[in-house]
Amino acid sequence: MKLLVGYTADDRGAEAIELASALVSGTPGAALQIAIVLPAAAPFNAVYPGGDHGYSSILSAQVDQWAEQALALVPAGIHATVAARSVPSVAEGLIGLAQQYEADGIVLGGRKRHRAGFFLPGAIANALLHSSPVSVFMSSPAALETLRSANGKLTRLTAFVGDRPGAKDVIEHSASLAAACSLPLRVVTLVLPFDVQDPERDLEGHVENTRSYLAELTRSMDLEASIEVVVGRNLDEATGQLSWQGGDLALLGSARLAAARRLFIGPKAQRILGKLSVPMGVVPNPGSSS
């Protein structure tokens, strides 16, 4: 697997490489393309009147230093290279590099949680979550601690799906990643009372039907997966009832309105993402009708 890492010379950049290394470790063709993407408007990247005042050489030396620091963070056994590019939009620059290098996904560094307890993606991550043609992986610093508790190794992949068309695509993508990383697969659906017309009468049956549907779906795909259907009064409560282990990775799908082969995170997935305490990824809509 090949991943593009959005690198900045700080803790977030180091955390992005740490997560990306765990994702590709042990996979066929494990490789990281580390991207140093600079805003085109950065003062030291400009050419001033009167010729080059040394800014280009300063920039080159700084990028060389950042590249050396980044490569030093990559574990042995993982092939890594660095590409630097100055672009008007950092998010578009990362997408362009991901396509150029045929990366399977983009990995970003973490952010601290909001004071209310939610993980809030930054501006670049938010832009990618609404436009990327490849999967986007990220983690908060606290979530990355769960990976470190497993010695930096992934131990399980949890796929969040609904009971509507599109579940098969997310499970298929998750199963492919789980197989590449040699991970067991867990398929989770969150059920809320307003998912049915009469919760007192219909909720229990809806839960059993959903569990049966997912079990049959995974069997039809010849997959071994544990199935969990979790009921909560709201998304926060349902998400909070899930148990997690060190080395867990969560994967969510795009909204149904996402363009084919594009990522567009919906409000439900964004709410779940905000409450997760483990590294996470969001996959694009493959464009199928399954």
C-alpha atoms as a PDB file:
ATOM      1  CA  MET A   1       0.000   0.000   0.000  1.00  0.00           C
ATOM      2  CA  LYS A   2       1.174   3.519  -0.789  1.00  0.00           C
ATOM      3  CA  LEU A   3       0.036   6.541   1.201  1.00  0.00           C
ATOM      4  CA  LEU A   4       0.602  10.247   0.795  1.00  0.00           C
ATOM      5  CA  VAL A   5       1.477  11.990   4.064  1.00  0.00           C
ATOM      6  CA  GLY A   6       0.696  15.667   4.507  1.00  0.00           C
ATOM      7  CA  TYR A   7       3.773  16.712   6.472  1.00  0.00           C
ATOM      8  CA  THR A   8       4.470  19.805   8.533  1.00  0.00           C
ATOM      9  CA  ALA A   9       7.616  20.178  10.618  1.00  0.00           C
ATOM     10  CA  ASP A  10       5.857  19.888  13.985  1.00  0.00           C
ATOM     11  CA  ASP A  11       4.099  17.340  16.189  1.00  0.00           C
ATOM     12  CA  ARG A  12       1.253  16.968  13.704  1.00  0.00           C
ATOM     13  CA  GLY A  13       3.657  16.037  10.938  1.00  0.00           C
ATOM     14  CA  ALA A  14       5.378  13.471  13.146  1.00  0.00           C
ATOM     15  CA  GLU A  15       1.986  12.022  14.134  1.00  0.00           C
ATOM     16  CA  ALA A  16       0.932  11.789  10.477  1.00  0.00           C
ATOM     17  CA  ILE A  17       4.049   9.762   9.651  1.00  0.00           C
ATOM     18  CA  GLU A  18       3.473   7.585  12.720  1.00  0.00           C
ATOM     19  CA  LEU A  19      -0.100   6.773  11.679  1.00  0.00           C
ATOM     20  CA  ALA A  20       0.815   6.297   8.011  1.00  0.00           C
ATOM     21  CA  SER A  21       3.658   3.945   8.964  1.00  0.00           C
ATOM     22  CA  ALA A  22       1.274   1.810  11.012  1.00  0.00           C
ATOM     23  CA  LEU A  23      -1.196   1.695   8.110  1.00  0.00           C
ATOM     24  CA  VAL A  24       1.310   0.504   5.491  1.00  0.00           C
ATOM     25  CA  SER A  25       3.440  -1.688   7.757  1.00  0.00           C
ATOM     26  CA  GLY A  26       3.493  -5.251   6.468  1.00  0.00           C
ATOM     27  CA  THR A  27       1.416  -4.489   3.374  1.00  0.00           C
ATOM     28  CA  PRO A  28       2.649  -5.360  -0.137  1.00  0.00           C
ATOM     29  CA  GLY A  29       4.689  -2.503  -1.594  1.00  0.00           C
ATOM     30  CA  ALA A  30       4.612  -0.508   1.654  1.00  0.00           C
ATOM     31  CA  ALA A  31       5.591   3.048   0.761  1.00  0.00           C
ATOM     32  CA  LEU A  32       5.100   6.599   1.965  1.00  0.00           C
ATOM     33  CA  GLN A  33       5.182   9.662  -0.240  1.00  0.00           C
ATOM     34  CA  ILE A  34       5.761  12.513   2.185  1.00  0.00           C
ATOM     35  CA  ALA A  35       4.364  15.798   0.898  1.00  0.00           C
ATOM     36  CA  ILE A  36       5.621  19.198   2.017  1.00  0.00           C
ATOM     37  CA  VAL A  37       3.004  21.505   0.537  1.00  0.00           C
ATOM     38  CA  LEU A  38       3.667  25.220   0.848  1.00  0.00           C
ATOM     39  CA  PRO A  39       1.165  28.030   0.278  1.00  0.00           C
ATOM     40  CA  ALA A  40       2.039  29.969  -2.864  1.00  0.00           C
ATOM     41  CA  ALA A  41       1.634  33.226  -0.951  1.00  0.00           C
ATOM     42  CA  ALA A  42       4.342  32.405   1.607  1.00  0.00           C
ATOM     43  CA  PRO A  43       6.644  35.490   1.727  1.00  0.00           C
ATOM     44  CA  PHE A  44       9.850  33.503   1.444  1.00  0.00           C
ATOM     45  CA  ASN A  45       8.523  31.809  -1.653  1.00  0.00           C
ATOM     46  CA  ALA A  46       8.031  34.993  -3.600  1.00  0.00           C
ATOM     47  CA  VAL A  47      10.358  36.486  -6.223  1.00  0.00           C
ATOM     48  CA  TYR A  48      10.785  40.128  -5.367  1.00  0.00           C
ATOM     49  CA  PRO A  49      11.652  42.994  -7.788  1.00  0.00           C
ATOM     50  CA  GLY A  50      15.331  43.233  -8.480  1.00  0.00           C
ATOM     51  CA  GLY A  51      15.933  39.494  -8.725  1.00  0.00           C
ATOM     52  CA  ASP A  52      16.369  36.745  -6.164  1.00  0.00           C
ATOM     53  CA  HIS A  53      17.143  38.223  -2.749  1.00  0.00           C
ATOM     54  CA  GLY A  54      18.071  34.857  -1.346  1.00  0.00           C
ATOM     55  CA  TYR A  55      14.560  33.726  -0.528  1.00  0.00           C
ATOM     56  CA  SER A  56      14.684  30.797  -2.958  1.00  0.00           C
ATOM     57  CA  SER A  57      17.906  29.472  -1.474  1.00  0.00           C
ATOM     58  CA  ILE A  58      16.556  29.954   2.042  1.00  0.00           C
ATOM     59  CA  LEU A  59      13.405  28.048   1.096  1.00  0.00           C
ATOM     60  CA  SER A  60      15.417  25.255  -0.526  1.00  0.00           C
ATOM     61  CA  ALA A  61      17.626  24.837   2.530  1.00  0.00           C
ATOM     62  CA  GLN A  62      14.607  24.843   4.848  1.00  0.00           C
ATOM     63  CA  VAL A  63      12.752  22.234   2.780  1.00  0.00           C
ATOM     64  CA  ASP A  64      15.874  20.053   2.690  1.00  0.00           C
ATOM     65  CA  GLN A  65      16.021  20.199   6.473  1.00  0.00           C
ATOM     66  CA  TRP A  66      12.315  19.368   6.808  1.00  0.00           C
ATOM     67  CA  ALA A  67      12.719  16.462   4.383  1.00  0.00           C
ATOM     68  CA  GLU A  68      15.612  15.008   6.382  1.00  0.00           C
ATOM     69  CA  GLN A  69      13.609  15.297   9.589  1.00  0.00           C
ATOM     70  CA  ALA A  70      10.610  13.597   8.001  1.00  0.00           C
ATOM     71  CA  LEU A  71      12.567  10.687   6.547  1.00  0.00           C
ATOM     72  CA  ALA A  72      14.233  10.088   9.908  1.00  0.00           C
ATOM     73  CA  LEU A  73      10.790   9.409  11.399  1.00  0.00           C
ATOM     74  CA  VAL A  74       9.949   6.565   8.983  1.00  0.00           C
ATOM     75  CA  PRO A  75      10.553   3.081  10.428  1.00  0.00           C
ATOM     76  CA  ALA A  76      12.971   0.713   8.736  1.00  0.00           C
ATOM     77  CA  GLY A  77      11.424  -1.462   6.055  1.00  0.00           C
ATOM     78  CA  ILE A  78       9.105   1.215   4.678  1.00  0.00           C
ATOM     79  CA  HIS A  79      10.193   2.945   1.487  1.00  0.00           C
ATOM     80  CA  ALA A  80       9.743   6.711   1.741  1.00  0.00           C
ATOM     81  CA  THR A  81      10.430   9.723  -0.447  1.00  0.00           C
ATOM     82  CA  VAL A  82       9.658  13.424  -0.089  1.00  0.00           C
ATOM     83  CA  ALA A  83       8.048  15.802  -2.569  1.00  0.00           C
ATOM     84  CA  ALA A  84       7.773  19.557  -2.003  1.00  0.00           C
ATOM     85  CA  ARG A  85       5.386  21.781  -3.905  1.00  0.00           C
ATOM     86  CA  SER A  86       4.164  25.351  -3.625  1.00  0.00           C
ATOM     87  CA  VAL A  87       0.462  25.637  -4.487  1.00  0.00           C
ATOM     88  CA  PRO A  88      -2.420  28.114  -4.099  1.00  0.00           C
ATOM     89  CA  SER A  89      -4.472  25.545  -2.117  1.00  0.00           C
ATOM     90  CA  VAL A  90      -2.879  23.056   0.287  1.00  0.00           C
ATOM     91  CA  ALA A  91      -5.813  20.633   0.008  1.00  0.00           C
ATOM     92  CA  GLU A  92      -5.749  20.731  -3.800  1.00  0.00           C
ATOM     93  CA  GLY A  93      -1.983  20.312  -3.706  1.00  0.00           C
ATOM     94  CA  LEU A  94      -2.297  17.166  -1.593  1.00  0.00           C
ATOM     95  CA  ILE A  95      -4.966  15.779  -3.919  1.00  0.00           C
ATOM     96  CA  GLY A  96      -2.787  16.505  -6.945  1.00  0.00           C
ATOM     97  CA  LEU A  97       0.216  14.752  -5.395  1.00  0.00           C
ATOM     98  CA  ALA A  98      -1.921  11.795  -4.318  1.00  0.00           C
ATOM     99  CA  GLN A  99      -3.123  11.370  -7.889  1.00  0.00           C
ATOM    100  CA  GLN A 100       0.352  11.890  -9.339  1.00  0.00           C
ATOM    101  CA  TYR A 101       1.873   9.219  -7.128  1.00  0.00           C
ATOM    102  CA  GLU A 102      -1.201   6.940  -7.323  1.00  0.00           C
ATOM    103  CA  ALA A 103      -1.541   6.876  -3.555  1.00  0.00           C
ATOM    104  CA  ASP A 104      -4.204   4.761  -1.879  1.00  0.00           C
ATOM    105  CA  GLY A 105      -4.948   7.468   0.654  1.00  0.00           C
ATOM    106  CA  ILE A 106      -3.913  10.731   2.296  1.00  0.00           C
ATOM    107  CA  VAL A 107      -2.793  10.840   5.930  1.00  0.00           C
ATOM    108  CA  LEU A 108      -2.940  13.983   8.051  1.00  0.00           C
ATOM    109  CA  GLY A 109      -1.652  14.831  11.502  1.00  0.00           C
ATOM    110  CA  GLY A 110      -3.832  15.134  14.569  1.00  0.00           C
ATOM    111  CA  ARG A 111      -5.565  17.969  16.341  1.00  0.00           C
ATOM    112  CA  LYS A 112      -6.451  18.405  19.973  1.00  0.00           C
ATOM    113  CA  ARG A 113     -10.062  17.810  20.862  1.00  0.00           C
ATOM    114  CA  HIS A 114     -12.511  20.658  21.143  1.00  0.00           C
ATOM    115  CA  ARG A 115     -13.340  21.687  24.700  1.00  0.00           C
ATOM    116  CA  ALA A 116     -16.748  20.033  24.359  1.00  0.00           C
ATOM    117  CA  GLY A 117     -15.035  16.708  23.702  1.00  0.00           C
ATOM    118  CA  PHE A 118     -15.385  16.582  19.944  1.00  0.00           C
ATOM    119  CA  PHE A 119     -12.594  15.963  17.457  1.00  0.00           C
ATOM    120  CA  LEU A 120     -12.694  18.846  14.988  1.00  0.00           C
ATOM    121  CA  PRO A 121     -10.836  18.416  11.686  1.00  0.00           C
ATOM    122  CA  GLY A 122      -8.816  21.459  10.639  1.00  0.00           C
ATOM    123  CA  ALA A 123      -9.493  23.488   7.519  1.00  0.00           C
ATOM    124  CA  ILE A 124      -7.296  21.316   5.264  1.00  0.00           C
ATOM    125  CA  ALA A 125      -8.763  18.056   6.577  1.00  0.00           C
ATOM    126  CA  ASN A 126     -12.280  19.447   6.229  1.00  0.00           C
ATOM    127  CA  ALA A 127     -11.622  20.399   2.601  1.00  0.00           C
ATOM    128  CA  LEU A 128     -10.292  16.909   1.853  1.00  0.00           C
ATOM    129  CA  LEU A 129     -13.271  15.289   3.595  1.00  0.00           C
ATOM    130  CA  HIS A 130     -15.509  17.006   1.057  1.00  0.00           C
ATOM    131  CA  SER A 131     -13.516  16.532  -2.149  1.00  0.00           C
ATOM    132  CA  SER A 132     -10.761  13.904  -2.033  1.00  0.00           C
ATOM    133  CA  PRO A 133     -10.766  11.130  -4.647  1.00  0.00           C
ATOM    134  CA  VAL A 134      -8.882   8.844  -2.226  1.00  0.00           C
ATOM    135  CA  SER A 135      -9.393   7.848   1.396  1.00  0.00           C
ATOM    136  CA  VAL A 136      -8.373  10.300   4.105  1.00  0.00           C
ATOM    137  CA  PHE A 137      -6.902   9.079   7.398  1.00  0.00           C
ATOM    138  CA  MET A 138      -6.368  11.171  10.519  1.00  0.00           C
ATOM    139  CA  SER A 139      -6.094  10.993  14.276  1.00  0.00           C
ATOM    140  CA  SER A 140      -6.206  13.189  17.329  1.00  0.00           C
ATOM    141  CA  PRO A 141      -3.169  13.049  19.636  1.00  0.00           C
ATOM    142  CA  ALA A 142      -5.264  11.188  22.231  1.00  0.00           C
ATOM    143  CA  ALA A 143      -6.444   8.672  19.639  1.00  0.00           C
ATOM    144  CA  LEU A 144      -2.873   8.077  18.541  1.00  0.00           C
ATOM    145  CA  GLU A 145      -2.068   7.038  22.105  1.00  0.00           C
ATOM    146  CA  THR A 146      -4.325   4.017  21.585  1.00  0.00           C
ATOM    147  CA  LEU A 147      -2.110   3.000  18.670  1.00  0.00           C
ATOM    148  CA  ARG A 148       1.009   3.460  20.765  1.00  0.00           C
ATOM    149  CA  SER A 149      -0.512   1.249  23.458  1.00  0.00           C
ATOM    150  CA  ALA A 150      -0.386  -1.540  20.855  1.00  0.00           C
ATOM    151  CA  ASN A 151       3.282  -0.795  20.100  1.00  0.00           C
ATOM    152  CA  GLY A 152       2.369   1.141  16.979  1.00  0.00           C
ATOM    153  CA  LYS A 153       0.604  -1.820  15.362  1.00  0.00           C
ATOM    154  CA  LEU A 154      -2.951  -1.934  14.087  1.00  0.00           C
ATOM    155  CA  THR A 155      -4.939  -4.773  15.658  1.00  0.00           C
ATOM    156  CA  ARG A 156      -8.477  -4.424  14.257  1.00  0.00           C
ATOM    157  CA  LEU A 157     -10.497  -2.499  11.691  1.00  0.00           C
ATOM    158  CA  THR A 158     -14.014  -1.293  12.499  1.00  0.00           C
ATOM    159  CA  ALA A 159     -16.260  -0.372   9.575  1.00  0.00           C
ATOM    160  CA  PHE A 160     -19.231   1.886  10.305  1.00  0.00           C
ATOM    161  CA  VAL A 161     -22.147   1.195   7.977  1.00  0.00           C
ATOM    162  CA  GLY A 162     -25.870   1.806   7.743  1.00  0.00           C
ATOM    163  CA  ASP A 163     -28.603  -0.591   6.700  1.00  0.00           C
ATOM    164  CA  ARG A 164     -29.146   1.103   3.341  1.00  0.00           C
ATOM    165  CA  PRO A 165     -27.544   0.619  -0.084  1.00  0.00           C
ATOM    166  CA  GLY A 166     -23.925   1.605   0.163  1.00  0.00           C
ATOM    167  CA  ALA A 167     -23.115  -0.622   3.135  1.00  0.00           C
ATOM    168  CA  LYS A 168     -21.656  -3.225   0.811  1.00  0.00           C
ATOM    169  CA  ASP A 169     -19.228  -0.713  -0.710  1.00  0.00           C
ATOM    170  CA  VAL A 170     -17.905   0.368   2.697  1.00  0.00           C
ATOM    171  CA  ILE A 171     -17.600  -3.234   3.890  1.00  0.00           C
ATOM    172  CA  GLU A 172     -15.835  -4.212   0.676  1.00  0.00           C
ATOM    173  CA  HIS A 173     -13.327  -1.363   0.987  1.00  0.00           C
ATOM    174  CA  SER A 174     -12.810  -2.096   4.680  1.00  0.00           C
ATOM    175  CA  ALA A 175     -12.330  -5.808   4.062  1.00  0.00           C
ATOM    176  CA  SER A 176      -9.734  -5.077   1.395  1.00  0.00           C
ATOM    177  CA  LEU A 177      -7.796  -2.827   3.772  1.00  0.00           C
ATOM    178  CA  ALA A 178      -8.171  -5.307   6.634  1.00  0.00           C
ATOM    179  CA  ALA A 179      -6.834  -8.102   4.434  1.00  0.00           C
ATOM    180  CA  ALA A 180      -3.872  -6.005   3.279  1.00  0.00           C
ATOM    181  CA  CYS A 181      -3.032  -5.189   6.913  1.00  0.00           C
ATOM    182  CA  SER A 182      -3.849  -8.727   8.182  1.00  0.00           C
ATOM    183  CA  LEU A 183      -6.503  -7.377  10.550  1.00  0.00           C
ATOM    184  CA  PRO A 184      -9.784  -8.820  11.833  1.00  0.00           C
ATOM    185  CA  LEU A 185     -12.849  -6.910  10.648  1.00  0.00           C
ATOM    186  CA  ARG A 186     -15.681  -5.596  12.808  1.00  0.00           C
ATOM    187  CA  VAL A 187     -18.825  -4.178  11.163  1.00  0.00           C
ATOM    188  CA  VAL A 188     -20.820  -1.714  13.266  1.00  0.00           C
ATOM    189  CA  THR A 189     -24.200  -0.086  12.769  1.00  0.00           C
ATOM    190  CA  LEU A 190     -25.634   2.535  15.108  1.00  0.00           C
ATOM    191  CA  VAL A 191     -29.415   2.426  15.539  1.00  0.00           C
ATOM    192  CA  LEU A 192     -31.468   5.309  16.943  1.00  0.00           C
ATOM    193  CA  PRO A 193     -35.122   5.286  18.095  1.00  0.00           C
ATOM    194  CA  PHE A 194     -36.229   7.596  15.288  1.00  0.00           C
ATOM    195  CA  ASP A 195     -34.968   5.059  12.738  1.00  0.00           C
ATOM    196  CA  VAL A 196     -38.365   3.340  13.153  1.00  0.00           C
ATOM    197  CA  GLN A 197     -41.914   4.660  13.220  1.00  0.00           C
ATOM    198  CA  ASP A 198     -42.824   3.239  16.641  1.00  0.00           C
ATOM    199  CA  PRO A 199     -39.724   2.565  18.795  1.00  0.00           C
ATOM    200  CA  GLU A 200     -41.604   0.673  21.524  1.00  0.00           C
ATOM    201  CA  ARG A 201     -43.130  -1.656  18.989  1.00  0.00           C
ATOM    202  CA  ASP A 202     -40.557  -1.836  16.202  1.00  0.00           C
ATOM    203  CA  LEU A 203     -37.074  -1.059  17.563  1.00  0.00           C
ATOM    204  CA  GLU A 204     -36.171  -4.546  18.781  1.00  0.00           C
ATOM    205  CA  GLY A 205     -37.250  -6.133  15.507  1.00  0.00           C
ATOM    206  CA  HIS A 206     -35.372  -3.489  13.523  1.00  0.00           C
ATOM    207  CA  VAL A 207     -32.177  -4.256  15.448  1.00  0.00           C
ATOM    208  CA  GLU A 208     -32.496  -7.991  14.760  1.00  0.00           C
ATOM    209  CA  ASN A 209     -33.295  -7.398  11.082  1.00  0.00           C
ATOM    210  CA  THR A 210     -30.266  -5.105  10.760  1.00  0.00           C
ATOM    211  CA  ARG A 211     -27.993  -7.667  12.410  1.00  0.00           C
ATOM    212  CA  SER A 212     -29.317 -10.418  10.130  1.00  0.00           C
ATOM    213  CA  TYR A 213     -28.926  -8.216   7.057  1.00  0.00           C
ATOM    214  CA  LEU A 214     -25.282  -7.426   7.838  1.00  0.00           C
ATOM    215  CA  ALA A 215     -24.493 -11.042   8.726  1.00  0.00           C
ATOM    216  CA  GLU A 216     -25.990 -12.235   5.441  1.00  0.00           C
ATOM    217  CA  LEU A 217     -24.229  -9.472   3.512  1.00  0.00           C
ATOM    218  CA  THR A 218     -20.799 -10.379   4.899  1.00  0.00           C
ATOM    219  CA  ARG A 219     -21.470 -14.096   4.281  1.00  0.00           C
ATOM    220  CA  SER A 220     -22.435 -13.370   0.673  1.00  0.00           C
ATOM    221  CA  MET A 221     -19.092 -11.560   0.305  1.00  0.00           C
ATOM    222  CA  ASP A 222     -17.287 -14.570   1.814  1.00  0.00           C
ATOM    223  CA  LEU A 223     -15.983 -12.454   4.685  1.00  0.00           C
ATOM    224  CA  GLU A 224     -15.308 -13.245   8.302  1.00  0.00           C
ATOM    225  CA  ALA A 225     -16.453 -10.301  10.385  1.00  0.00           C
ATOM    226  CA  SER A 226     -17.946  -9.649  13.784  1.00  0.00           C
ATOM    227  CA  ILE A 227     -21.251  -7.756  13.680  1.00  0.00           C
ATOM    228  CA  GLU A 228     -22.340  -5.200  16.278  1.00  0.00           C
ATOM    229  CA  VAL A 229     -25.620  -3.300  16.204  1.00  0.00           C
ATOM    230  CA  VAL A 230     -25.599  -0.631  18.909  1.00  0.00           C
ATOM    231  CA  VAL A 231     -28.692   1.233  20.100  1.00  0.00           C
ATOM    232  CA  GLY A 232     -28.554   4.682  21.643  1.00  0.00           C
ATOM    233  CA  ARG A 233     -30.876   7.619  22.218  1.00  0.00           C
ATOM    234  CA  ASN A 234     -28.602   9.656  19.960  1.00  0.00           C
ATOM    235  CA  LEU A 235     -25.392   9.242  17.959  1.00  0.00           C
ATOM    236  CA  ASP A 236     -23.161  10.362  20.808  1.00  0.00           C
ATOM    237  CA  GLU A 237     -24.636   7.818  23.203  1.00  0.00           C
ATOM    238  CA  ALA A 238     -24.533   4.997  20.649  1.00  0.00           C
ATOM    239  CA  THR A 239     -20.934   5.760  19.679  1.00  0.00           C
ATOM    240  CA  GLY A 240     -19.973   5.945  23.338  1.00  0.00           C
ATOM    241  CA  GLN A 241     -21.253   2.417  23.962  1.00  0.00           C
ATOM    242  CA  LEU A 242     -18.725   0.875  21.581  1.00  0.00           C
ATOM    243  CA  SER A 243     -15.696  -0.803  23.128  1.00  0.00           C
ATOM    244  CA  TRP A 244     -12.252  -0.114  21.690  1.00  0.00           C
ATOM    245  CA  GLN A 245      -8.874  -1.764  21.998  1.00  0.00           C
ATOM    246  CA  GLY A 246      -5.336  -0.588  21.432  1.00  0.00           C
ATOM    247  CA  GLY A 247      -4.530  -0.584  17.731  1.00  0.00           C
ATOM    248  CA  ASP A 248      -8.108  -0.070  16.539  1.00  0.00           C
ATOM    249  CA  LEU A 249      -8.783   1.782  13.295  1.00  0.00           C
ATOM    250  CA  ALA A 250     -12.252   3.098  12.418  1.00  0.00           C
ATOM    251  CA  LEU A 251     -13.443   3.515   8.844  1.00  0.00           C
ATOM    252  CA  LEU A 252     -16.495   5.438   7.651  1.00  0.00           C
ATOM    253  CA  GLY A 253     -18.067   5.842   4.233  1.00  0.00           C
ATOM    254  CA  SER A 254     -19.069   8.942   2.282  1.00  0.00           C
ATOM    255  CA  ALA A 255     -22.568  10.347   2.071  1.00  0.00           C
ATOM    256  CA  ARG A 256     -24.831   8.960  -0.638  1.00  0.00           C
ATOM    257  CA  LEU A 257     -24.840  12.335  -2.390  1.00  0.00           C
ATOM    258  CA  ALA A 258     -21.067  12.166  -2.907  1.00  0.00           C
ATOM    259  CA  ALA A 259     -19.953  12.230  -6.532  1.00  0.00           C
ATOM    260  CA  ALA A 260     -18.591   8.986  -7.961  1.00  0.00           C
ATOM    261  CA  ARG A 261     -15.043   8.295  -6.770  1.00  0.00           C
ATOM    262  CA  ARG A 262     -15.132  11.331  -4.514  1.00  0.00           C
ATOM    263  CA  LEU A 263     -15.225  11.708  -0.764  1.00  0.00           C
ATOM    264  CA  PHE A 264     -18.004  13.716   0.845  1.00  0.00           C
ATOM    265  CA  ILE A 265     -18.570  13.173   4.550  1.00  0.00           C
ATOM    266  CA  GLY A 266     -22.172  13.446   5.669  1.00  0.00           C
ATOM    267  CA  PRO A 267     -23.423  14.991   8.936  1.00  0.00           C
ATOM    268  CA  LYS A 268     -23.989  11.608  10.613  1.00  0.00           C
ATOM    269  CA  ALA A 269     -20.492  10.344   9.776  1.00  0.00           C
ATOM    270  CA  GLN A 270     -19.009  13.684  10.822  1.00  0.00           C
ATOM    271  CA  ARG A 271     -20.751  13.428  14.186  1.00  0.00           C
ATOM    272  CA  ILE A 272     -19.442   9.874  14.686  1.00  0.00           C
ATOM    273  CA  LEU A 273     -15.949  10.906  13.606  1.00  0.00           C
ATOM    274  CA  GLY A 274     -16.026  13.702  16.154  1.00  0.00           C
ATOM    275  CA  LYS A 275     -16.619  11.282  19.028  1.00  0.00           C
ATOM    276  CA  LEU A 276     -14.125   8.568  18.083  1.00  0.00           C
ATOM    277  CA  SER A 277     -11.172   7.919  20.362  1.00  0.00           C
ATOM    278  CA  VAL A 278      -9.125   5.905  17.841  1.00  0.00           C
ATOM    279  CA  PRO A 279      -7.415   6.691  14.504  1.00  0.00           C
ATOM    280  CA  MET A 280      -9.951   6.972  11.715  1.00  0.00           C
ATOM    281  CA  GLY A 281     -10.410   7.070   7.968  1.00  0.00           C
ATOM    282  CA  VAL A 282     -13.148   8.084   5.534  1.00  0.00           C
ATOM    283  CA  VAL A 283     -13.451   6.424   2.134  1.00  0.00           C
ATOM    284  CA  PRO A 284     -14.791   7.940  -1.101  1.00  0.00           C
ATOM    285  CA  ASN A 285     -17.938   6.877  -2.880  1.00  0.00           C
ATOM    286  CA  PRO A 286     -16.852   4.192  -5.372  1.00  0.00           C
ATOM    287  CA  GLY A 287     -19.687   5.106  -7.708  1.00  0.00           C
ATOM    288  CA  SER A 288     -21.395   1.716  -7.643  1.00  0.00           C
ATOM    289  CA  SER A 289     -25.072   1.180  -7.033  1.00  0.00           C
ATOM    290  CA  SER A 290     -24.649  -1.676  -4.549  1.00  0.00           C
END
